[in-house]
């Protein structure tokens, strides 16, 4: 049995897939910083559902738009964490003071 996929991805598709995976990992790393367990669980469920709902998307433009939307949501979450004092930037600021 060969592990080579039936239809190999083009370079563009491969690069786009890598961007999506990077965003997915970054979102989950950021969610780990949320202090409240129930909020963390809710955010994890939301992120998984969002990615799962769009996993069969093949239109390049649609994928790029979804990436932009996900990146905006990630930045909002990171900003909220920083403002609440639980984000990575705020903890490094405290150490310097």
N, C-alpha and C. Protein backbone atom coordinates (compact mmCIF):
# COMPACT_ATOMS: atom_id res chain seq x y z
N UNK A 1 0.84 -1.19 0.00
CA UNK A 1 0.00 0.00 0.00
C UNK A 1 0.87 1.24 0.00
N UNK A 2 0.60 2.11 -0.92
CA UNK A 2 1.36 3.36 -1.05
C UNK A 2 0.72 4.44 -0.19
N UNK A 3 1.56 5.25 0.44
CA UNK A 3 1.06 6.35 1.25
C UNK A 3 1.00 7.65 0.46
N UNK A 4 1.32 7.59 -0.81
CA UNK A 4 1.26 8.76 -1.66
C UNK A 4 -0.20 9.06 -1.97
N UNK A 5 -0.64 10.32 -1.75
CA UNK A 5 -2.03 10.64 -2.02
C UNK A 5 -2.36 10.47 -3.51
N UNK A 6 -3.62 10.19 -3.77
CA UNK A 6 -4.05 9.97 -5.16
C UNK A 6 -3.82 11.21 -6.02
N UNK A 7 -4.17 12.36 -5.48
CA UNK A 7 -3.98 13.61 -6.22
C UNK A 7 -2.99 14.47 -5.43
N UNK A 8 -1.79 14.62 -5.95
CA UNK A 8 -0.78 15.42 -5.27
C UNK A 8 -1.16 16.89 -5.34
N UNK A 9 -0.82 17.62 -4.29
CA UNK A 9 -1.13 19.05 -4.24
C UNK A 9 -0.16 19.84 -5.11
N UNK A 10 -0.66 20.90 -5.70
CA UNK A 10 0.23 21.81 -6.42
C UNK A 10 1.02 22.60 -5.38
N UNK A 11 2.05 23.29 -5.80
CA UNK A 11 2.86 24.07 -4.87
C UNK A 11 2.01 25.13 -4.17
N UNK A 12 1.13 25.79 -4.91
CA UNK A 12 0.25 26.81 -4.33
C UNK A 12 -0.66 26.21 -3.26
N UNK A 13 -1.24 25.06 -3.58
CA UNK A 13 -2.13 24.39 -2.63
C UNK A 13 -1.35 23.95 -1.39
N UNK A 14 -0.15 23.45 -1.60
CA UNK A 14 0.69 23.01 -0.49
C UNK A 14 1.01 24.18 0.44
N UNK A 15 1.39 25.31 -0.16
CA UNK A 15 1.74 26.50 0.63
C UNK A 15 0.52 27.01 1.41
N UNK A 16 -0.62 27.01 0.77
CA UNK A 16 -1.86 27.44 1.42
C UNK A 16 -2.19 26.51 2.59
N UNK A 17 -2.02 25.21 2.37
CA UNK A 17 -2.29 24.23 3.41
C UNK A 17 -1.38 24.47 4.61
N UNK A 18 -0.11 24.79 4.35
CA UNK A 18 0.83 25.06 5.43
C UNK A 18 0.42 26.30 6.23
N UNK A 19 -0.09 27.32 5.53
CA UNK A 19 -0.57 28.52 6.22
C UNK A 19 -1.74 28.19 7.13
N UNK A 20 -2.66 27.37 6.63
CA UNK A 20 -3.83 26.98 7.41
C UNK A 20 -3.40 26.20 8.65
N UNK A 21 -2.48 25.26 8.49
CA UNK A 21 -2.00 24.47 9.63
C UNK A 21 -1.27 25.35 10.65
N UNK A 22 -0.50 26.31 10.16
CA UNK A 22 0.21 27.23 11.06
C UNK A 22 -0.79 28.06 11.87
N UNK A 23 -1.83 28.55 11.21
CA UNK A 23 -2.87 29.32 11.90
C UNK A 23 -3.56 28.44 12.94
N UNK A 24 -3.90 27.21 12.58
CA UNK A 24 -4.56 26.28 13.49
C UNK A 24 -3.71 26.07 14.75
N UNK A 25 -2.42 25.81 14.56
CA UNK A 25 -1.54 25.58 15.71
C UNK A 25 -1.41 26.83 16.56
N UNK A 26 -1.28 27.98 15.93
CA UNK A 26 -1.14 29.24 16.67
C UNK A 26 -2.40 29.55 17.48
N UNK A 27 -3.56 29.30 16.89
CA UNK A 27 -4.82 29.52 17.61
C UNK A 27 -4.86 28.64 18.86
N UNK A 28 -4.51 27.38 18.73
CA UNK A 28 -4.57 26.48 19.88
C UNK A 28 -3.51 26.80 20.93
N UNK A 29 -2.34 27.27 20.50
CA UNK A 29 -1.33 27.71 21.48
C UNK A 29 -1.83 28.93 22.25
N UNK A 30 -2.51 29.82 21.56
CA UNK A 30 -3.04 31.03 22.20
C UNK A 30 -4.18 30.67 23.14
N UNK A 31 -5.04 29.75 22.73
CA UNK A 31 -6.17 29.34 23.58
C UNK A 31 -5.66 28.75 24.89
N UNK A 32 -4.52 28.08 24.87
CA UNK A 32 -3.96 27.52 26.11
C UNK A 32 -3.67 28.58 27.16
N UNK A 33 -3.52 29.83 26.74
CA UNK A 33 -3.21 30.92 27.67
C UNK A 33 -4.45 31.48 28.35
N UNK A 34 -5.64 31.09 27.89
CA UNK A 34 -6.89 31.58 28.49
C UNK A 34 -7.00 30.98 29.89
N UNK A 35 -7.14 31.84 30.91
CA UNK A 35 -7.12 31.33 32.29
C UNK A 35 -8.37 30.51 32.69
N UNK A 36 -9.53 30.88 32.20
CA UNK A 36 -10.77 30.21 32.59
C UNK A 36 -10.96 28.92 31.80
N UNK A 37 -11.12 27.80 32.49
CA UNK A 37 -11.22 26.49 31.84
C UNK A 37 -12.44 26.39 30.93
N UNK A 38 -13.57 26.91 31.36
CA UNK A 38 -14.78 26.80 30.52
C UNK A 38 -14.65 27.66 29.26
N UNK A 39 -14.04 28.83 29.39
CA UNK A 39 -13.81 29.67 28.21
C UNK A 39 -12.83 29.00 27.26
N UNK A 40 -11.81 28.38 27.84
CA UNK A 40 -10.82 27.67 27.03
C UNK A 40 -11.49 26.54 26.24
N UNK A 41 -12.34 25.78 26.90
CA UNK A 41 -13.05 24.68 26.25
C UNK A 41 -13.96 25.20 25.14
N UNK A 42 -14.68 26.28 25.43
CA UNK A 42 -15.58 26.88 24.44
C UNK A 42 -14.80 27.38 23.21
N UNK A 43 -13.68 28.03 23.43
CA UNK A 43 -12.85 28.52 22.32
C UNK A 43 -12.28 27.36 21.51
N UNK A 44 -11.85 26.31 22.19
CA UNK A 44 -11.33 25.13 21.49
C UNK A 44 -12.40 24.49 20.61
N UNK A 45 -13.59 24.34 21.18
CA UNK A 45 -14.70 23.75 20.41
C UNK A 45 -15.05 24.61 19.21
N UNK A 46 -15.07 25.94 19.41
CA UNK A 46 -15.38 26.86 18.32
C UNK A 46 -14.34 26.75 17.20
N UNK A 47 -13.06 26.74 17.58
CA UNK A 47 -11.99 26.69 16.58
C UNK A 47 -12.04 25.37 15.81
N UNK A 48 -12.21 24.27 16.54
CA UNK A 48 -12.28 22.96 15.86
C UNK A 48 -13.46 22.91 14.90
N UNK A 49 -14.61 23.39 15.34
CA UNK A 49 -15.80 23.36 14.49
C UNK A 49 -15.60 24.23 13.25
N UNK A 50 -15.01 25.39 13.44
CA UNK A 50 -14.79 26.31 12.32
C UNK A 50 -13.87 25.68 11.27
N UNK A 51 -12.77 25.08 11.73
CA UNK A 51 -11.85 24.44 10.80
C UNK A 51 -12.49 23.21 10.16
N UNK A 52 -13.23 22.44 10.96
CA UNK A 52 -13.87 21.23 10.43
C UNK A 52 -14.92 21.58 9.38
N UNK A 53 -15.68 22.65 9.61
CA UNK A 53 -16.71 23.06 8.65
C UNK A 53 -16.13 23.49 7.31
N UNK A 54 -14.89 23.94 7.32
CA UNK A 54 -14.28 24.44 6.09
C UNK A 54 -13.17 23.54 5.57
N UNK A 55 -13.05 22.35 6.09
CA UNK A 55 -11.93 21.48 5.71
C UNK A 55 -11.99 21.00 4.26
N UNK A 56 -13.16 20.96 3.67
CA UNK A 56 -13.28 20.50 2.28
C UNK A 56 -13.28 21.66 1.28
N UNK A 57 -12.99 22.84 1.75
CA UNK A 57 -12.96 24.02 0.88
C UNK A 57 -11.78 23.88 -0.10
N UNK A 58 -12.04 24.07 -1.38
CA UNK A 58 -10.98 23.93 -2.37
C UNK A 58 -10.73 25.22 -3.14
N UNK A 59 -11.64 26.18 -3.04
CA UNK A 59 -11.48 27.44 -3.75
C UNK A 59 -10.38 28.28 -3.09
N UNK A 60 -9.34 28.59 -3.85
CA UNK A 60 -8.18 29.29 -3.31
C UNK A 60 -8.56 30.64 -2.71
N UNK A 61 -9.40 31.39 -3.39
CA UNK A 61 -9.81 32.70 -2.89
C UNK A 61 -10.58 32.57 -1.58
N UNK A 62 -11.47 31.61 -1.51
CA UNK A 62 -12.25 31.39 -0.29
C UNK A 62 -11.33 31.01 0.87
N UNK A 63 -10.34 30.18 0.60
CA UNK A 63 -9.40 29.76 1.65
C UNK A 63 -8.60 30.97 2.14
N UNK A 64 -8.17 31.81 1.22
CA UNK A 64 -7.43 33.02 1.63
C UNK A 64 -8.30 33.95 2.48
N UNK A 65 -9.56 34.07 2.12
CA UNK A 65 -10.48 34.91 2.91
C UNK A 65 -10.69 34.30 4.30
N UNK A 66 -10.82 32.99 4.36
CA UNK A 66 -10.97 32.32 5.65
C UNK A 66 -9.71 32.48 6.50
N UNK A 67 -8.55 32.44 5.87
CA UNK A 67 -7.29 32.66 6.58
C UNK A 67 -7.24 34.07 7.18
N UNK A 68 -7.66 35.06 6.40
CA UNK A 68 -7.68 36.43 6.90
C UNK A 68 -8.64 36.57 8.07
N UNK A 69 -9.80 35.95 7.95
CA UNK A 69 -10.80 35.99 9.02
C UNK A 69 -10.24 35.33 10.28
N UNK A 70 -9.61 34.17 10.12
CA UNK A 70 -9.01 33.47 11.26
C UNK A 70 -7.89 34.26 11.90
N UNK A 71 -7.08 34.91 11.09
CA UNK A 71 -5.97 35.72 11.60
C UNK A 71 -6.50 36.91 12.39
N UNK A 72 -7.56 37.54 11.89
CA UNK A 72 -8.20 38.65 12.63
C UNK A 72 -8.72 38.18 13.98
N UNK A 73 -9.40 37.03 13.99
CA UNK A 73 -9.92 36.49 15.25
C UNK A 73 -8.79 36.15 16.21
N UNK A 74 -7.70 35.61 15.69
CA UNK A 74 -6.55 35.29 16.53
C UNK A 74 -5.97 36.56 17.15
N UNK A 75 -5.83 37.61 16.35
CA UNK A 75 -5.29 38.88 16.88
C UNK A 75 -6.20 39.47 17.94
N UNK A 76 -7.51 39.35 17.75
CA UNK A 76 -8.46 39.83 18.76
C UNK A 76 -8.28 39.07 20.07
N UNK A 77 -8.13 37.76 19.97
CA UNK A 77 -7.94 36.94 21.17
C UNK A 77 -6.62 37.30 21.85
N UNK A 78 -5.56 37.46 21.07
CA UNK A 78 -4.26 37.82 21.64
C UNK A 78 -4.32 39.18 22.32
N UNK A 79 -5.01 40.13 21.70
CA UNK A 79 -5.15 41.46 22.29
C UNK A 79 -5.93 41.39 23.59
N UNK A 80 -7.00 40.61 23.61
CA UNK A 80 -7.79 40.45 24.83
C UNK A 80 -6.95 39.85 25.95
N UNK A 81 -6.15 38.86 25.62
CA UNK A 81 -5.29 38.24 26.63
C UNK A 81 -4.25 39.22 27.15
N UNK A 82 -3.69 40.02 26.24
CA UNK A 82 -2.70 41.01 26.67
C UNK A 82 -3.33 42.06 27.58
N UNK A 83 -4.53 42.51 27.23
CA UNK A 83 -5.22 43.51 28.04
C UNK A 83 -5.61 42.96 29.41
N UNK A 84 -5.91 41.67 29.46
CA UNK A 84 -6.31 41.06 30.74
C UNK A 84 -5.10 40.70 31.60
N UNK A 85 -3.91 40.82 31.03
CA UNK A 85 -2.71 40.54 31.80
C UNK A 85 -2.27 39.09 31.74
N UNK A 86 -2.86 38.29 30.85
CA UNK A 86 -2.47 36.88 30.78
C UNK A 86 -1.72 36.56 29.50
N UNK A 87 -1.58 37.52 28.60
CA UNK A 87 -0.90 37.28 27.33
C UNK A 87 0.61 37.31 27.49
N UNK A 88 1.35 36.83 26.50
CA UNK A 88 2.80 36.76 26.58
C UNK A 88 3.47 38.12 26.65
N UNK A 89 2.92 39.12 25.96
CA UNK A 89 3.55 40.44 25.93
C UNK A 89 3.47 41.10 27.31
N UNK A 90 2.33 40.98 27.96
CA UNK A 90 2.15 41.64 29.25
C UNK A 90 3.05 41.03 30.31
N UNK A 91 3.27 39.71 30.28
CA UNK A 91 4.13 39.08 31.27
C UNK A 91 5.58 39.49 31.09
N UNK A 92 6.02 39.71 29.85
CA UNK A 92 7.39 40.16 29.63
C UNK A 92 7.55 41.62 30.04
N UNK A 93 6.47 42.43 29.88
CA UNK A 93 6.52 43.82 30.32
C UNK A 93 6.67 43.90 31.83
N UNK A 94 6.01 43.02 32.55
CA UNK A 94 6.07 43.01 34.00
C UNK A 94 7.48 42.68 34.46
N UNK A 95 8.15 41.74 33.81
CA UNK A 95 9.49 41.35 34.18
C UNK A 95 10.49 42.48 33.99
N UNK A 96 10.25 43.33 32.97
CA UNK A 96 11.18 44.43 32.70
C UNK A 96 11.03 45.57 33.68
N UNK A 97 9.86 45.74 34.29
CA UNK A 97 9.60 46.86 35.19
C UNK A 97 10.35 46.74 36.49
